[in-house]
Amino acid sequence: VALYKSVPTRLLSRAWGRLNQVELPTWLRKPVYSLYIWTFGVNMKEAAVEDLHHYRNLSEFFRRKLKPQARPVCCLHSVISPSDGKILNFGQVKNCEVEQVKGVTYSLESFLGPRISAEELQFSQTPLGNSFQQQLVTKEGNELYHCVIYLAPGDYHCFHSPTDWRVSHRRHFPGSLMSVNPGVARWIKELFCHNERVVLTGDWKHGFFSLTAVGATNVGSIRIYFDQDLHTNSPCYSKGSYNDFSFISNNNKEGIPMRKGEHLGEFNLGSTIVLIFEAPKDFKFHLKAGQKIRFGEALGSL
């Protein structure tokens, strides 16, 4: 583990990003992309543009858009999958710890960072407890839930809003860019807390809601469409540091309203999405650990 952590994954990821942006000659595009499609099982029939010659470089191909009808958004359930991927873990948060894969946990506070003030998040209720987990729960009778979705290299790389909510704050943690493959996640404790990540927090109709985009090797680029000030995988950073940005201002008291299924951001290659939110005790996930899921399908509901 120590040897793996010493690998300069941030530098390698920046080099990979530069390589991805090199424009390929038209004659080379089809064989290069075809090899990628065959290796990772990409379904190009879903792509908005199926012609491989259209994509000038690997980066454009990774971030390809889908046909509008390829991912219908479930209207019957309150929380949908924000992306394509594989369900690594889900359930109630217990003892201020979250499972990244079965049997391997990480600290909720280390992952999200110190709690943002209730005033900044515009919550009308007062937090009910003293532990970090209890501070996030704003309504009596609610519980805190989590869901971890792993995006493989062959998956659709954009992610969307999982529910109707308001984003009031962004916290960016520069960090390592180790692989988040489930095999690696099993032997590096608190992997998600070491890696670069962008935490979006706000509220939905049941209280606290957060979506975190976790970077990985070759995925230094995390883009949030409404946040032009966000820059990830910079050459220099202080270990353990983070920077905050509030979407609440004198001119905007509501933050950024997001509708269920609306485009939210994108990765370059694959990575992980972590949802942490509060909901009433009768909230139920409609999932199985290890199952494949597609953007728009139901995660859970009341």
Protein backbone atom coordinates (compact mmCIF):
# COMPACT_ATOMS: atom_id res chain seq x y z
CA VAL A 1 0.00 0.00 0.00
CA ALA A 2 2.81 2.42 0.91
CA LEU A 3 4.54 1.69 -2.38
CA TYR A 4 1.35 2.27 -4.35
CA LYS A 5 0.68 5.55 -2.50
CA SER A 6 4.14 6.79 -3.54
CA VAL A 7 3.28 6.55 -7.26
CA PRO A 8 2.87 10.11 -8.72
CA THR A 9 -0.73 9.51 -9.83
CA ARG A 10 -1.53 13.23 -10.12
CA LEU A 11 1.36 13.81 -12.51
CA LEU A 12 0.45 10.69 -14.51
CA SER A 13 -3.18 11.83 -14.66
CA ARG A 14 -2.20 15.27 -15.99
CA ALA A 15 -0.01 13.61 -18.62
CA TRP A 16 -2.88 11.30 -19.57
CA GLY A 17 -5.18 14.34 -19.81
CA ARG A 18 -2.77 16.08 -22.20
CA LEU A 19 -2.54 12.92 -24.30
CA ASN A 20 -6.33 12.64 -24.42
CA GLN A 21 -6.60 16.14 -25.89
CA VAL A 22 -4.23 15.47 -28.78
CA GLU A 23 -6.25 15.56 -32.01
CA LEU A 24 -6.09 12.22 -33.81
CA PRO A 25 -5.80 12.01 -37.61
CA THR A 26 -9.14 11.08 -39.14
CA TRP A 27 -7.82 7.73 -40.41
CA LEU A 28 -6.64 6.75 -36.91
CA ARG A 29 -9.84 7.56 -35.01
CA LYS A 30 -11.88 4.48 -35.89
CA PRO A 31 -9.19 1.87 -35.02
CA VAL A 32 -8.28 3.64 -31.72
CA TYR A 33 -11.87 4.09 -30.56
CA SER A 34 -12.86 0.61 -31.77
CA LEU A 35 -10.14 -0.90 -29.61
CA TYR A 36 -11.45 1.06 -26.59
CA ILE A 37 -15.06 0.02 -27.37
CA TRP A 38 -14.01 -3.65 -27.58
CA THR A 39 -11.89 -3.50 -24.40
CA PHE A 40 -14.47 -1.83 -22.15
CA GLY A 41 -17.75 -2.93 -23.76
CA VAL A 42 -19.00 0.52 -24.83
CA ASN A 43 -22.48 0.58 -26.42
CA MET A 44 -22.15 3.17 -29.19
CA LYS A 45 -25.77 2.66 -30.31
CA GLU A 46 -26.72 4.85 -27.33
CA ALA A 47 -24.37 7.68 -28.30
CA ALA A 48 -25.88 10.88 -29.71
CA VAL A 49 -23.21 10.68 -32.44
CA GLU A 50 -22.36 7.09 -33.46
CA ASP A 51 -19.83 8.07 -36.15
CA LEU A 52 -16.39 7.52 -34.58
CA HIS A 53 -14.75 9.97 -37.00
CA HIS A 54 -16.73 12.78 -35.31
CA TYR A 55 -14.63 12.60 -32.09
CA ARG A 56 -11.42 14.57 -32.56
CA ASN A 57 -9.63 13.14 -29.54
CA LEU A 58 -9.99 10.59 -26.76
CA SER A 59 -11.28 13.22 -24.34
CA GLU A 60 -14.24 14.03 -26.60
CA PHE A 61 -14.95 10.33 -27.01
CA PHE A 62 -14.89 9.71 -23.23
CA ARG A 63 -17.34 12.58 -22.67
CA ARG A 64 -19.74 11.58 -25.46
CA LYS A 65 -23.38 12.49 -24.96
CA LEU A 66 -26.25 10.03 -25.22
CA LYS A 67 -29.40 10.07 -27.31
CA PRO A 68 -32.21 11.75 -25.32
CA GLN A 69 -34.33 8.56 -25.27
CA ALA A 70 -31.43 6.33 -24.17
CA ARG A 71 -31.90 7.11 -20.45
CA PRO A 72 -35.53 7.75 -19.43
CA VAL A 73 -35.75 9.37 -15.98
CA CYS A 74 -37.90 7.45 -13.48
CA CYS A 75 -40.79 9.65 -12.34
CA LEU A 76 -42.17 7.30 -9.67
CA HIS A 77 -39.23 7.39 -7.24
CA SER A 78 -37.80 10.36 -5.36
CA VAL A 79 -34.09 9.51 -5.85
CA ILE A 80 -32.63 8.22 -9.13
CA SER A 81 -29.16 7.12 -10.12
CA PRO A 82 -27.10 10.19 -11.13
CA SER A 83 -24.91 8.12 -13.47
CA ASP A 84 -24.28 4.79 -15.11
CA GLY A 85 -22.18 2.45 -12.99
CA LYS A 86 -22.04 -0.32 -10.44
CA ILE A 87 -23.56 -0.12 -6.95
CA LEU A 88 -20.71 -0.68 -4.47
CA ASN A 89 -22.62 0.02 -1.28
CA PHE A 90 -25.77 1.62 0.11
CA GLY A 91 -27.81 1.86 3.30
CA GLN A 92 -28.02 3.83 6.53
CA VAL A 93 -24.95 5.64 7.84
CA LYS A 94 -24.01 4.21 11.25
CA ASN A 95 -21.49 5.37 13.86
CA CYS A 96 -20.31 8.27 11.65
CA GLU A 97 -18.73 5.79 9.21
CA VAL A 98 -19.58 4.84 5.62
CA GLU A 99 -18.58 1.68 3.75
CA GLN A 100 -16.62 2.26 0.50
CA VAL A 101 -16.81 -1.48 -0.22
CA LYS A 102 -18.07 -4.28 2.02
CA GLY A 103 -16.07 -4.37 5.26
CA VAL A 104 -13.90 -1.30 4.49
CA THR A 105 -15.11 1.97 5.97
CA TYR A 106 -14.16 5.64 6.07
CA SER A 107 -15.00 8.51 8.38
CA LEU A 108 -17.99 10.61 7.36
CA GLU A 109 -16.38 13.77 8.77
CA SER A 110 -13.05 13.12 7.02
CA PHE A 111 -14.89 12.59 3.74
CA LEU A 112 -17.18 15.66 3.85
CA GLY A 113 -14.95 17.90 5.97
CA PRO A 114 -16.13 20.11 8.86
CA ARG A 115 -19.81 20.89 8.82
CA ILE A 116 -20.92 24.01 6.99
CA SER A 117 -23.00 26.40 9.10
CA ALA A 118 -26.76 25.94 9.11
CA GLU A 119 -27.12 29.61 8.18
CA GLU A 120 -25.10 29.12 5.01
CA LEU A 121 -27.11 26.06 4.02
CA GLN A 122 -30.34 27.95 4.71
CA PHE A 123 -31.80 25.15 6.81
CA SER A 124 -34.83 26.23 8.79
CA GLN A 125 -34.38 23.52 11.43
CA THR A 126 -31.71 23.30 14.10
CA PRO A 127 -29.42 20.24 14.05
CA LEU A 128 -30.59 17.67 16.58
CA GLY A 129 -27.38 16.19 17.99
CA ASN A 130 -23.75 16.61 18.84
CA SER A 131 -22.02 13.96 16.71
CA PHE A 132 -21.09 14.89 13.16
CA GLN A 133 -23.69 12.48 11.82
CA GLN A 134 -26.41 13.91 14.06
CA GLN A 135 -25.49 17.46 13.05
CA LEU A 136 -26.32 16.67 9.43
CA VAL A 137 -29.80 15.42 10.31
CA THR A 138 -32.04 18.49 10.47
CA LYS A 139 -35.46 16.91 11.09
CA GLU A 140 -36.56 14.72 13.96
CA GLY A 141 -37.29 11.14 12.90
CA ASN A 142 -34.94 11.24 9.92
CA GLU A 143 -31.92 9.03 9.27
CA LEU A 144 -28.76 9.55 7.22
CA TYR A 145 -28.34 7.36 4.12
CA HIS A 146 -25.54 6.76 1.61
CA CYS A 147 -25.05 5.21 -1.81
CA VAL A 148 -21.75 4.61 -3.68
CA ILE A 149 -21.72 4.23 -7.50
CA TYR A 150 -18.54 3.22 -9.35
CA LEU A 151 -18.19 4.36 -12.98
CA ALA A 152 -16.06 1.99 -15.06
CA PRO A 153 -14.02 3.29 -18.04
CA GLY A 154 -16.66 2.02 -20.49
CA ASP A 155 -19.57 3.80 -18.78
CA TYR A 156 -21.25 7.05 -19.79
CA HIS A 157 -19.13 9.67 -17.98
CA CYS A 158 -21.59 12.50 -17.37
CA PHE A 159 -23.54 12.68 -14.14
CA HIS A 160 -26.91 14.25 -13.40
CA SER A 161 -29.01 15.50 -10.51
CA PRO A 162 -30.38 12.53 -8.53
CA THR A 163 -33.38 14.44 -7.19
CA ASP A 164 -34.98 17.89 -6.95
CA TRP A 165 -32.70 19.87 -4.62
CA ARG A 166 -30.83 23.14 -4.07
CA VAL A 167 -27.03 23.20 -4.14
CA SER A 168 -25.77 25.83 -1.72
CA HIS A 169 -22.10 24.97 -1.24
CA ARG A 170 -19.11 23.39 -2.96
CA ARG A 171 -16.07 22.03 -1.13
CA HIS A 172 -13.07 20.94 -3.22
CA PHE A 173 -10.47 18.61 -1.70
CA PRO A 174 -7.27 18.42 -3.76
CA GLY A 175 -5.68 15.04 -3.08
CA SER A 176 -4.31 11.83 -4.47
CA LEU A 177 -5.67 10.24 -7.63
CA MET A 178 -5.46 6.57 -6.74
CA SER A 179 -7.60 4.02 -8.54
CA VAL A 180 -11.13 3.64 -7.12
CA ASN A 181 -11.57 0.21 -8.70
CA PRO A 182 -13.38 -1.99 -6.12
CA GLY A 183 -10.33 -4.30 -5.99
CA VAL A 184 -8.10 -1.40 -4.90
CA ALA A 185 -10.79 0.03 -2.57
CA ARG A 186 -10.72 -3.22 -0.59
CA TRP A 187 -7.12 -2.78 0.55
CA ILE A 188 -6.75 1.00 1.00
CA LYS A 189 -8.69 2.21 4.03
CA GLU A 190 -10.30 5.64 3.62
CA LEU A 191 -9.37 5.67 -0.07
CA PHE A 192 -12.18 8.12 -0.83
CA CYS A 193 -10.85 10.48 1.86
CA HIS A 194 -7.36 10.48 0.28
CA ASN A 195 -8.51 11.13 -3.29
CA GLU A 196 -9.35 14.45 -4.89
CA ARG A 197 -13.08 15.09 -4.69
CA VAL A 198 -15.74 17.75 -5.13
CA VAL A 199 -18.48 17.80 -2.47
CA LEU A 200 -21.74 19.54 -3.38
CA THR A 201 -24.05 20.10 -0.40
CA GLY A 202 -27.50 21.56 -0.07
CA ASP A 203 -30.99 20.47 0.82
CA TRP A 204 -34.01 18.69 -0.62
CA LYS A 205 -37.55 18.34 0.68
CA HIS A 206 -36.42 16.02 3.50
CA GLY A 207 -33.37 18.04 4.65
CA PHE A 208 -29.64 17.61 4.05
CA PHE A 209 -28.48 16.31 0.66
CA SER A 210 -24.99 15.92 -0.80
CA LEU A 211 -23.39 14.56 -3.96
CA THR A 212 -19.63 13.96 -4.08
CA ALA A 213 -17.67 13.36 -7.28
CA VAL A 214 -14.51 11.41 -6.37
CA GLY A 215 -11.52 11.62 -8.72
CA ALA A 216 -9.26 8.68 -9.58
CA THR A 217 -6.19 7.78 -11.61
CA ASN A 218 -6.49 9.44 -15.03
CA VAL A 219 -9.62 11.25 -13.79
CA GLY A 220 -8.08 14.47 -12.52
CA SER A 221 -10.66 16.44 -14.46
CA ILE A 222 -13.96 16.83 -12.59
CA ARG A 223 -16.25 19.41 -14.13
CA ILE A 224 -19.40 20.91 -12.58
CA TYR A 225 -21.35 22.71 -15.29
CA PHE A 226 -22.64 25.61 -13.19
CA ASP A 227 -19.31 26.14 -11.36
CA GLN A 228 -16.83 27.90 -13.65
CA ASP A 229 -14.44 28.65 -10.76
CA LEU A 230 -13.69 24.98 -10.06
CA HIS A 231 -10.27 23.76 -11.24
CA THR A 232 -9.18 20.21 -10.36
CA ASN A 233 -5.84 18.35 -10.45
CA SER A 234 -3.66 21.45 -10.12
CA PRO A 235 0.12 20.79 -9.98
CA CYS A 236 0.48 22.10 -6.41
CA TYR A 237 -1.69 21.58 -3.35
CA SER A 238 -1.36 21.23 0.42
CA LYS A 239 -2.11 17.78 1.76
CA GLY A 240 -5.31 17.76 3.79
CA SER A 241 -6.39 21.18 2.52
CA TYR A 242 -9.71 22.09 0.96
CA ASN A 243 -11.39 25.20 -0.39
CA ASP A 244 -15.00 26.27 -0.03
CA PHE A 245 -17.32 28.19 -2.31
CA SER A 246 -20.84 29.29 -1.43
CA PHE A 247 -23.58 29.62 -4.03
CA ILE A 248 -25.63 31.64 -1.50
CA SER A 249 -25.20 35.39 -1.92
CA ASN A 250 -27.08 38.64 -1.40
CA ASN A 251 -28.40 38.33 -4.93
CA ASN A 252 -29.12 34.60 -4.68
CA LYS A 253 -30.68 33.38 -1.44
CA GLU A 254 -31.73 30.01 -2.85
CA GLY A 255 -28.45 28.59 -4.21
CA ILE A 256 -28.50 26.56 -7.43
CA PRO A 257 -31.82 24.77 -8.01
CA MET A 258 -31.40 21.36 -9.69
CA ARG A 259 -34.18 19.28 -11.19
CA LYS A 260 -34.13 15.49 -11.11
CA GLY A 261 -32.22 14.24 -14.17
CA GLU A 262 -30.73 17.63 -15.07
CA HIS A 263 -27.11 17.66 -16.32
CA LEU A 264 -24.76 18.33 -13.40
CA GLY A 265 -21.19 17.51 -14.43
CA GLU A 266 -18.75 15.08 -16.00
CA PHE A 267 -15.61 13.03 -15.40
CA ASN A 268 -12.80 12.37 -17.82
CA LEU A 269 -12.73 8.54 -17.90
CA GLY A 270 -14.39 6.70 -14.95
CA SER A 271 -14.68 7.36 -11.22
CA THR A 272 -17.12 7.31 -8.29
CA ILE A 273 -20.22 9.19 -7.12
CA VAL A 274 -21.14 9.16 -3.41
CA LEU A 275 -24.58 10.32 -2.26
CA ILE A 276 -25.11 11.14 1.43
CA PHE A 277 -28.53 12.48 2.42
CA GLU A 278 -31.14 12.49 5.12
CA ALA A 279 -34.60 11.03 4.69
CA PRO A 280 -37.42 9.67 6.86
CA LYS A 281 -36.96 6.24 8.45
CA ASP A 282 -39.27 4.59 5.92
CA PHE A 283 -36.96 5.46 2.98
CA LYS A 284 -36.14 2.26 1.07
CA PHE A 285 -33.42 1.55 -1.48
CA HIS A 286 -34.44 -0.54 -4.50
CA LEU A 287 -30.93 -1.94 -5.05
CA LYS A 288 -28.62 -4.91 -4.67
CA ALA A 289 -24.91 -4.51 -3.91
CA GLY A 290 -22.87 -5.17 -7.04
CA GLN A 291 -25.69 -4.56 -9.50
CA LYS A 292 -25.22 -2.51 -12.66
CA ILE A 293 -27.34 0.61 -12.85
CA ARG A 294 -27.96 3.28 -15.46
CA PHE A 295 -28.59 6.98 -15.10
CA GLY A 296 -32.31 7.65 -14.57
CA GLU A 297 -33.13 4.34 -12.88
CA ALA A 298 -34.58 4.31 -9.37
CA LEU A 299 -32.27 4.29 -6.34
CA GLY A 300 -34.96 4.53 -3.68
CA SER A 301 -38.11 6.18 -2.46
CA LEU A 302 -40.45 6.62 0.51
